[in-house]
Amino acid sequence: MKAVHAMGVAFALFALAGAIPATAQVATSVPDPVMGAKPVTIERIKVHSPAIEGNLEGESADRDVLVVLPPSYAKSPHRRYPVVYALHGYSIGAEQWIREIHVPQTIEGAFANGAKEMIVVLPDSKTIHNGSMYSSSATTGDFETFVSRDLVAYIDAHYRSIADRKSRGLVGHSMGGYGASRIGMKHADVFGALYIMSPCCLSPREPGQFDAKAGAELEGVKSLDEATKLSWGQRAQLATAAAWSPDPLNPPLYLDLPTRNGAVQPDVLAKWAANAPLAFVDQYIGNLRRYRAISIDVGDQDGLRFDAKKLHEVLDTYRIANSFEIYSGTHTSAVATRFQNYVMPFFSQNLVFGAHR
């Protein structure tokens, strides 16, 4: 993978995290199976999102969603469960996400190790440019509202969830970690506990991080189909522009790039900066105080650890209780182990569970 300055806006997505295959389907270590673990049930459904309707990119408003039901779900027809919403990273969808975190094994293992049973929901937010950034855009559609409103409403209407913010958790990794940060800060009325894994894209980008030559190549793209043939880093730049600098008057991609004719565009950079959590976190301190618990983790070989630490330090500055850990690993190597042994127990301890009937 090219370095950040050569990739332009592949920026903090994963460039800082080290080498990642162009397919972004990576091999991750899997925890040992837990003896006696009971099977969960995975349902593959479609959820229609009015928030995504009518987007200029033509993204489907009918989103693929994986719903993981705990072992007791079918046998306990009157029992209701907390729900954890788990957001995938850039260039993968929900199906690749469950392979990276080794679902169902890790969720079954977490329950067998003592985590209380809950529903886990994994929505697919992949787009034509490989990622929605979980943002609100006329070009991609409003994926922020898809997660925080439409998806939650669907799950509460069709599954035996506990329809209360104190019983809902939000977690994401990489781009999903960005999504958990963004959505978590803005929608504390929906979620009650927050876990941010190796978040990308927390800081505003500096003008010197954009390469004019790379930008010129993107300016020459004449169709969405042509865009799908670009390199991983170039597609990441288009994904970011589609999410953060949409332009309804600029077909065929309906976005504005951070460079034009070899010059950096300050107005576009300003729009991108406005979407950086470290730039807007101070506006949402009241919301962050509402969470029962917040956790952030990142690998010690992950370039994203510096911004993750900055987010932790902001929370500490405002005396918002949070846990922060730099563990041994790369951007992706330990994500499955972390999901089983840290993420699931975290929500088990910090969500509100209903009485069994």
Protein backbone atom coordinates (compact mmCIF):
# COMPACT_ATOMS: atom_id res chain seq x y z
CA MET A 1 0.00 0.00 0.00
CA LYS A 2 1.22 3.49 -0.81
CA ALA A 3 2.17 5.86 1.96
CA VAL A 4 -0.29 8.44 3.19
CA HIS A 5 1.14 11.35 1.19
CA ALA A 6 0.93 9.33 -2.01
CA MET A 7 -2.54 8.04 -1.32
CA GLY A 8 -4.07 11.41 -0.68
CA VAL A 9 -7.17 10.59 1.21
CA ALA A 10 -6.73 7.00 1.94
CA PHE A 11 -5.55 9.21 4.83
CA ALA A 12 -6.23 7.67 8.19
CA LEU A 13 -8.59 5.01 6.96
CA PHE A 14 -6.03 2.24 7.06
CA ALA A 15 -2.88 3.74 5.62
CA LEU A 16 -1.63 4.59 9.07
CA ALA A 17 -2.47 1.12 10.24
CA GLY A 18 0.19 -0.57 8.14
CA ALA A 19 -0.01 -2.88 5.17
CA ILE A 20 -3.48 -4.13 4.33
CA PRO A 21 -4.32 -6.23 1.27
CA ALA A 22 -6.17 -4.51 -1.54
CA THR A 23 -9.15 -6.75 -0.88
CA ALA A 24 -9.14 -5.73 2.80
CA GLN A 25 -10.18 -9.28 3.66
CA VAL A 26 -7.51 -10.08 6.18
CA ALA A 27 -6.59 -13.15 8.19
CA THR A 28 -7.13 -12.68 11.90
CA SER A 29 -6.22 -14.91 14.80
CA VAL A 30 -9.11 -16.83 16.29
CA PRO A 31 -9.48 -17.69 19.98
CA ASP A 32 -9.53 -21.35 20.93
CA PRO A 33 -13.04 -22.83 20.91
CA VAL A 34 -14.71 -22.76 24.33
CA MET A 35 -15.82 -26.17 25.48
CA GLY A 36 -19.56 -26.46 25.98
CA ALA A 37 -20.41 -23.34 23.97
CA LYS A 38 -24.01 -23.40 22.80
CA PRO A 39 -24.86 -22.48 19.22
CA VAL A 40 -26.26 -19.10 18.26
CA THR A 41 -28.55 -18.50 15.28
CA ILE A 42 -27.61 -16.13 12.46
CA GLU A 43 -30.44 -14.59 10.47
CA ARG A 44 -29.75 -12.75 7.22
CA ILE A 45 -32.36 -10.09 6.59
CA LYS A 46 -32.98 -6.92 4.59
CA VAL A 47 -33.80 -3.67 6.36
CA HIS A 48 -35.29 -0.83 4.36
CA SER A 49 -33.92 2.59 5.28
CA PRO A 50 -35.90 5.70 4.32
CA ALA A 51 -32.78 7.69 5.24
CA ILE A 52 -30.87 6.13 2.33
CA GLU A 53 -33.64 6.52 -0.24
CA GLY A 54 -33.00 8.80 -3.19
CA ASN A 55 -29.23 9.07 -2.83
CA LEU A 56 -27.37 10.28 -5.91
CA GLU A 57 -24.96 7.33 -5.96
CA GLY A 58 -27.74 4.79 -6.39
CA GLU A 59 -26.99 2.92 -3.16
CA SER A 60 -29.75 0.49 -2.24
CA ALA A 61 -32.01 1.57 0.60
CA ASP A 62 -32.61 -2.12 1.32
CA ARG A 63 -29.58 -3.03 3.42
CA ASP A 64 -28.24 -6.48 4.24
CA VAL A 65 -28.15 -7.08 7.97
CA LEU A 66 -26.95 -10.06 10.00
CA VAL A 67 -28.77 -10.71 13.27
CA VAL A 68 -27.12 -13.06 15.76
CA LEU A 69 -29.66 -14.52 18.18
CA PRO A 70 -28.41 -15.98 21.47
CA PRO A 71 -28.74 -19.69 22.34
CA SER A 72 -31.82 -19.23 24.53
CA TYR A 73 -33.75 -17.03 22.10
CA ALA A 74 -35.93 -19.71 20.50
CA LYS A 75 -36.59 -21.56 23.74
CA SER A 76 -37.52 -18.48 25.79
CA PRO A 77 -40.38 -16.84 23.85
CA HIS A 78 -41.14 -14.26 26.53
CA ARG A 79 -37.58 -13.16 27.23
CA ARG A 80 -36.23 -9.88 25.90
CA TYR A 81 -32.58 -9.10 25.25
CA PRO A 82 -30.22 -6.12 25.00
CA VAL A 83 -28.88 -5.45 21.52
CA VAL A 84 -25.33 -4.66 20.40
CA TYR A 85 -24.90 -2.98 17.02
CA ALA A 86 -21.50 -3.83 15.49
CA LEU A 87 -20.14 -1.71 12.60
CA HIS A 88 -17.67 -3.06 10.04
CA GLY A 89 -14.64 -1.31 8.55
CA TYR A 90 -13.83 0.16 5.16
CA SER A 91 -13.92 -2.00 2.00
CA ILE A 92 -15.64 -4.93 3.66
CA GLY A 93 -19.30 -5.67 4.27
CA ALA A 94 -21.08 -7.50 7.04
CA GLU A 95 -20.32 -10.96 5.65
CA GLN A 96 -16.57 -10.27 5.55
CA TRP A 97 -16.80 -8.61 8.98
CA ILE A 98 -18.16 -11.77 10.62
CA ARG A 99 -15.32 -13.75 9.06
CA GLU A 100 -12.75 -11.32 10.42
CA ILE A 101 -14.19 -11.51 13.94
CA HIS A 102 -14.96 -15.24 13.55
CA VAL A 103 -18.66 -15.14 14.25
CA PRO A 104 -20.42 -17.29 15.37
CA GLN A 105 -17.53 -18.89 17.30
CA THR A 106 -16.47 -15.76 19.18
CA ILE A 107 -20.00 -14.81 20.24
CA GLU A 108 -20.71 -18.39 21.32
CA GLY A 109 -17.40 -18.41 23.18
CA ALA A 110 -18.20 -15.15 24.94
CA PHE A 111 -21.51 -16.52 26.19
CA ALA A 112 -19.87 -19.78 27.28
CA ASN A 113 -17.25 -17.76 29.18
CA GLY A 114 -19.95 -15.99 31.17
CA ALA A 115 -21.13 -13.02 29.12
CA LYS A 116 -24.87 -12.52 29.47
CA GLU A 117 -26.88 -13.36 26.39
CA MET A 118 -27.72 -10.54 24.01
CA ILE A 119 -28.61 -9.98 20.36
CA VAL A 120 -25.80 -8.81 18.07
CA VAL A 121 -26.71 -6.90 14.90
CA LEU A 122 -24.21 -6.36 12.07
CA PRO A 123 -25.46 -4.02 9.32
CA ASP A 124 -23.84 -3.79 5.89
CA SER A 125 -22.83 -0.22 5.05
CA LYS A 126 -20.56 -0.91 2.08
CA THR A 127 -21.09 1.39 -0.91
CA ILE A 128 -19.97 1.69 -4.54
CA HIS A 129 -16.75 3.26 -3.24
CA ASN A 130 -16.41 0.59 -0.53
CA GLY A 131 -17.61 2.53 2.50
CA SER A 132 -20.27 4.96 3.70
CA MET A 133 -18.21 6.44 6.55
CA TYR A 134 -21.46 6.06 8.52
CA SER A 135 -22.12 9.67 7.57
CA SER A 136 -25.00 11.75 6.24
CA SER A 137 -24.69 12.67 2.58
CA ALA A 138 -27.01 13.36 -0.33
CA THR A 139 -24.56 11.42 -2.48
CA THR A 140 -24.32 8.18 -0.48
CA GLY A 141 -27.46 8.49 1.61
CA ASP A 142 -27.77 9.07 5.34
CA PHE A 143 -26.06 6.04 6.85
CA GLU A 144 -25.80 7.76 10.22
CA THR A 145 -29.59 7.82 10.45
CA PHE A 146 -29.84 4.32 8.98
CA VAL A 147 -27.93 2.97 11.97
CA SER A 148 -29.24 5.25 14.70
CA ARG A 149 -32.92 5.29 13.69
CA ASP A 150 -34.06 2.98 10.91
CA LEU A 151 -32.10 -0.12 11.92
CA VAL A 152 -32.83 0.26 15.62
CA ALA A 153 -36.54 0.75 14.92
CA TYR A 154 -36.63 -2.36 12.72
CA ILE A 155 -34.88 -4.55 15.28
CA ASP A 156 -37.15 -3.34 18.09
CA ALA A 157 -40.22 -4.05 15.93
CA HIS A 158 -39.19 -7.52 14.72
CA TYR A 159 -37.13 -9.05 17.54
CA ARG A 160 -37.54 -9.40 21.28
CA SER A 161 -35.21 -6.57 22.12
CA ILE A 162 -35.30 -4.35 25.19
CA ALA A 163 -36.28 -1.10 23.50
CA ASP A 164 -34.36 1.22 25.78
CA ARG A 165 -31.11 3.11 25.23
CA LYS A 166 -29.63 1.62 28.39
CA SER A 167 -29.99 -1.79 26.78
CA ARG A 168 -28.38 -0.86 23.46
CA GLY A 169 -24.65 -0.96 22.76
CA LEU A 170 -22.68 0.38 19.81
CA VAL A 171 -19.28 -0.94 18.71
CA GLY A 172 -17.23 -0.61 15.54
CA HIS A 173 -13.76 -1.30 14.19
CA SER A 174 -11.66 1.02 11.99
CA MET A 175 -14.15 2.86 9.76
CA GLY A 176 -16.70 1.25 12.05
CA GLY A 177 -14.75 2.70 14.98
CA TYR A 178 -15.15 6.09 13.33
CA GLY A 179 -18.85 5.33 12.94
CA ALA A 180 -19.15 4.34 16.59
CA SER A 181 -17.41 7.59 17.57
CA ARG A 182 -19.54 9.78 15.32
CA ILE A 183 -22.88 8.12 15.93
CA GLY A 184 -22.11 7.58 19.60
CA MET A 185 -21.38 11.27 20.17
CA LYS A 186 -24.50 12.42 18.33
CA HIS A 187 -27.00 9.79 19.45
CA ALA A 188 -26.59 9.14 23.14
CA ASP A 189 -30.40 9.17 23.26
CA VAL A 190 -30.31 5.85 21.36
CA PHE A 191 -27.33 3.96 22.83
CA GLY A 192 -26.22 3.39 26.41
CA ALA A 193 -22.70 1.93 26.14
CA LEU A 194 -19.98 2.58 23.57
CA TYR A 195 -16.94 0.55 22.47
CA ILE A 196 -14.55 2.07 19.91
CA MET A 197 -12.05 -0.30 18.27
CA SER A 198 -9.04 1.06 16.34
CA PRO A 199 -10.98 4.08 15.05
CA CYS A 200 -9.88 5.69 11.81
CA CYS A 201 -10.34 9.23 10.61
CA LEU A 202 -10.52 11.00 13.97
CA SER A 203 -8.31 13.97 13.05
CA PRO A 204 -8.68 16.64 10.36
CA ARG A 205 -6.27 16.10 7.46
CA GLU A 206 -3.50 18.60 6.75
CA PRO A 207 -3.17 20.10 3.22
CA GLY A 208 0.28 18.53 2.81
CA GLN A 209 -1.23 15.05 3.08
CA PHE A 210 -2.95 15.39 -0.29
CA ASP A 211 -1.03 14.49 -3.42
CA ALA A 212 -1.87 16.65 -6.43
CA LYS A 213 -0.89 13.98 -8.97
CA ALA A 214 -3.12 11.39 -7.34
CA GLY A 215 -5.89 13.96 -7.23
CA ALA A 216 -5.54 14.63 -10.95
CA GLU A 217 -6.14 10.96 -11.70
CA LEU A 218 -9.37 11.05 -9.70
CA GLU A 219 -10.51 14.21 -11.47
CA GLY A 220 -10.38 12.24 -14.71
CA VAL A 221 -12.88 9.59 -13.59
CA LYS A 222 -15.90 9.76 -15.88
CA SER A 223 -18.29 7.17 -14.40
CA LEU A 224 -19.09 5.11 -11.33
CA ASP A 225 -18.10 2.00 -13.23
CA GLU A 226 -14.69 3.49 -13.95
CA ALA A 227 -14.33 4.36 -10.27
CA THR A 228 -14.73 0.71 -9.27
CA LYS A 229 -11.54 -0.12 -11.19
CA LEU A 230 -9.34 2.27 -9.22
CA SER A 231 -6.80 1.31 -6.56
CA TRP A 232 -7.77 0.72 -2.95
CA GLY A 233 -6.42 4.10 -1.85
CA GLN A 234 -8.09 6.02 -4.66
CA ARG A 235 -11.43 4.41 -3.87
CA ALA A 236 -10.98 5.35 -0.23
CA GLN A 237 -10.55 8.97 -1.28
CA LEU A 238 -13.74 8.84 -3.33
CA ALA A 239 -15.61 7.23 -0.45
CA THR A 240 -14.55 10.03 1.84
CA ALA A 241 -15.45 12.73 -0.66
CA ALA A 242 -18.85 11.15 -1.32
CA ALA A 243 -19.55 11.11 2.41
CA TRP A 244 -18.09 14.44 3.49
CA SER A 245 -18.02 16.72 0.44
CA PRO A 246 -21.07 15.72 -1.62
CA ASP A 247 -22.01 17.92 -4.55
CA PRO A 248 -25.43 17.40 -6.19
CA LEU A 249 -24.34 19.62 -9.10
CA ASN A 250 -21.19 17.68 -9.97
CA PRO A 251 -22.09 14.49 -11.88
CA PRO A 252 -21.31 11.70 -12.44
CA LEU A 253 -19.82 11.07 -8.97
CA TYR A 254 -21.62 13.95 -7.22
CA LEU A 255 -18.68 14.85 -4.99
CA ASP A 256 -15.93 17.42 -4.64
CA LEU A 257 -12.32 16.30 -4.29
CA PRO A 258 -9.80 17.92 -1.93
CA THR A 259 -7.62 18.91 -4.89
CA ARG A 260 -8.47 20.52 -8.23
CA ASN A 261 -6.05 21.20 -11.07
CA GLY A 262 -3.16 20.46 -8.75
CA ALA A 263 -4.29 22.81 -5.99
CA VAL A 264 -5.71 21.90 -2.58
CA GLN A 265 -9.28 23.14 -2.09
CA PRO A 266 -9.60 24.78 1.35
CA ASP A 267 -13.41 24.70 1.30
CA VAL A 268 -13.41 20.93 0.80
CA LEU A 269 -10.81 20.41 3.51
CA ALA A 270 -13.00 22.48 5.83
CA LYS A 271 -15.92 20.14 5.16
CA TRP A 272 -13.74 17.14 5.90
CA ALA A 273 -12.45 18.72 9.10
CA ALA A 274 -16.06 19.29 10.19
CA ASN A 275 -16.53 15.51 10.07
CA ALA A 276 -13.48 14.68 12.22
CA PRO A 277 -14.52 13.54 15.72
CA LEU A 278 -11.50 15.16 17.37
CA ALA A 279 -12.69 18.44 15.84
CA PHE A 280 -16.30 18.16 17.01
CA VAL A 281 -16.07 16.09 20.20
CA ASP A 282 -16.23 19.20 22.43
CA GLN A 283 -19.73 19.88 21.11
CA TYR A 284 -21.01 16.55 22.43
CA ILE A 285 -19.59 16.33 25.94
CA GLY A 286 -23.07 16.40 27.43
CA ASN A 287 -24.04 13.44 25.29
CA LEU A 288 -20.91 11.49 26.17
CA ARG A 289 -21.62 11.95 29.87
CA ARG A 290 -24.84 10.01 29.41
CA TYR A 291 -23.09 6.73 28.60
CA ARG A 292 -22.93 4.08 31.29
CA ALA A 293 -19.50 3.10 29.94
CA ILE A 294 -17.11 3.96 27.10
CA SER A 295 -14.13 1.86 26.04
CA ILE A 296 -11.44 2.46 23.41
CA ASP A 297 -8.77 -0.01 22.29
CA VAL A 298 -6.11 -0.18 19.57
CA GLY A 299 -3.07 -2.30 18.71
CA ASP A 300 0.45 -1.21 19.61
CA GLN A 301 1.49 -1.72 15.95
CA ASP A 302 -1.45 0.28 14.60
CA GLY A 303 -0.72 3.80 13.34
CA LEU A 304 -4.20 4.79 14.44
CA ARG A 305 -3.17 4.45 18.10
CA PHE A 306 -2.07 8.09 18.29
CA ASP A 307 -5.47 9.54 17.46
CA ALA A 308 -7.22 6.91 19.58
CA LYS A 309 -5.13 8.06 22.52
CA LYS A 310 -6.04 11.68 21.78
CA LEU A 311 -9.74 10.81 21.97
CA HIS A 312 -9.15 9.07 25.30
CA GLU A 313 -7.30 12.14 26.56
CA VAL A 314 -10.17 14.42 25.56
CA LEU A 315 -12.56 12.27 27.58
CA ASP A 316 -10.17 12.35 30.51
CA THR A 317 -9.90 16.13 30.23
CA TYR A 318 -13.66 16.39 30.68
CA ARG A 319 -13.59 13.73 33.41
CA ILE A 320 -15.77 11.38 31.39
CA ALA A 321 -15.19 7.85 32.65
CA ASN A 322 -13.65 5.66 29.98
CA SER A 323 -11.23 2.79 29.61
CA PHE A 324 -8.38 2.84 27.11
CA GLU A 325 -6.02 0.02 26.17
CA ILE A 326 -3.15 -0.31 23.73
CA TYR A 327 -2.80 -4.07 23.29
CA SER A 328 -0.24 -6.19 21.45
CA GLY A 329 -1.26 -6.40 17.80
CA THR A 330 -1.67 -4.76 14.42
CA HIS A 331 -4.75 -3.01 13.07
CA THR A 332 -6.57 -6.29 12.53
CA SER A 333 -4.60 -9.20 14.01
CA ALA A 334 -6.37 -9.44 17.36
CA VAL A 335 -9.81 -8.12 16.47
CA ALA A 336 -11.58 -11.49 16.88
CA THR A 337 -9.98 -12.14 20.26
CA ARG A 338 -10.84 -8.63 21.37
CA PHE A 339 -14.44 -9.10 20.26
CA GLN A 340 -14.88 -12.31 22.25
CA ASN A 341 -12.87 -11.52 25.37
CA TYR A 342 -13.35 -7.77 25.72
CA VAL A 343 -16.20 -6.35 23.62
CA MET A 344 -18.87 -8.89 24.54
CA PRO A 345 -17.99 -8.92 28.28
CA PHE A 346 -17.97 -5.10 28.25
CA PHE A 347 -21.56 -4.98 27.05
CA SER A 348 -22.52 -7.82 29.37
CA GLN A 349 -21.34 -5.69 32.28
CA ASN A 350 -22.67 -2.32 31.12
CA LEU A 351 -26.02 -2.85 29.39
CA VAL A 352 -29.26 -3.22 31.30
CA PHE A 353 -30.73 -6.72 31.11
CA GLY A 354 -34.39 -7.45 31.71
CA ALA A 355 -35.77 -9.95 34.16
CA HIS A 356 -36.08 -13.49 32.79
CA ARG A 357 -39.61 -14.82 32.47
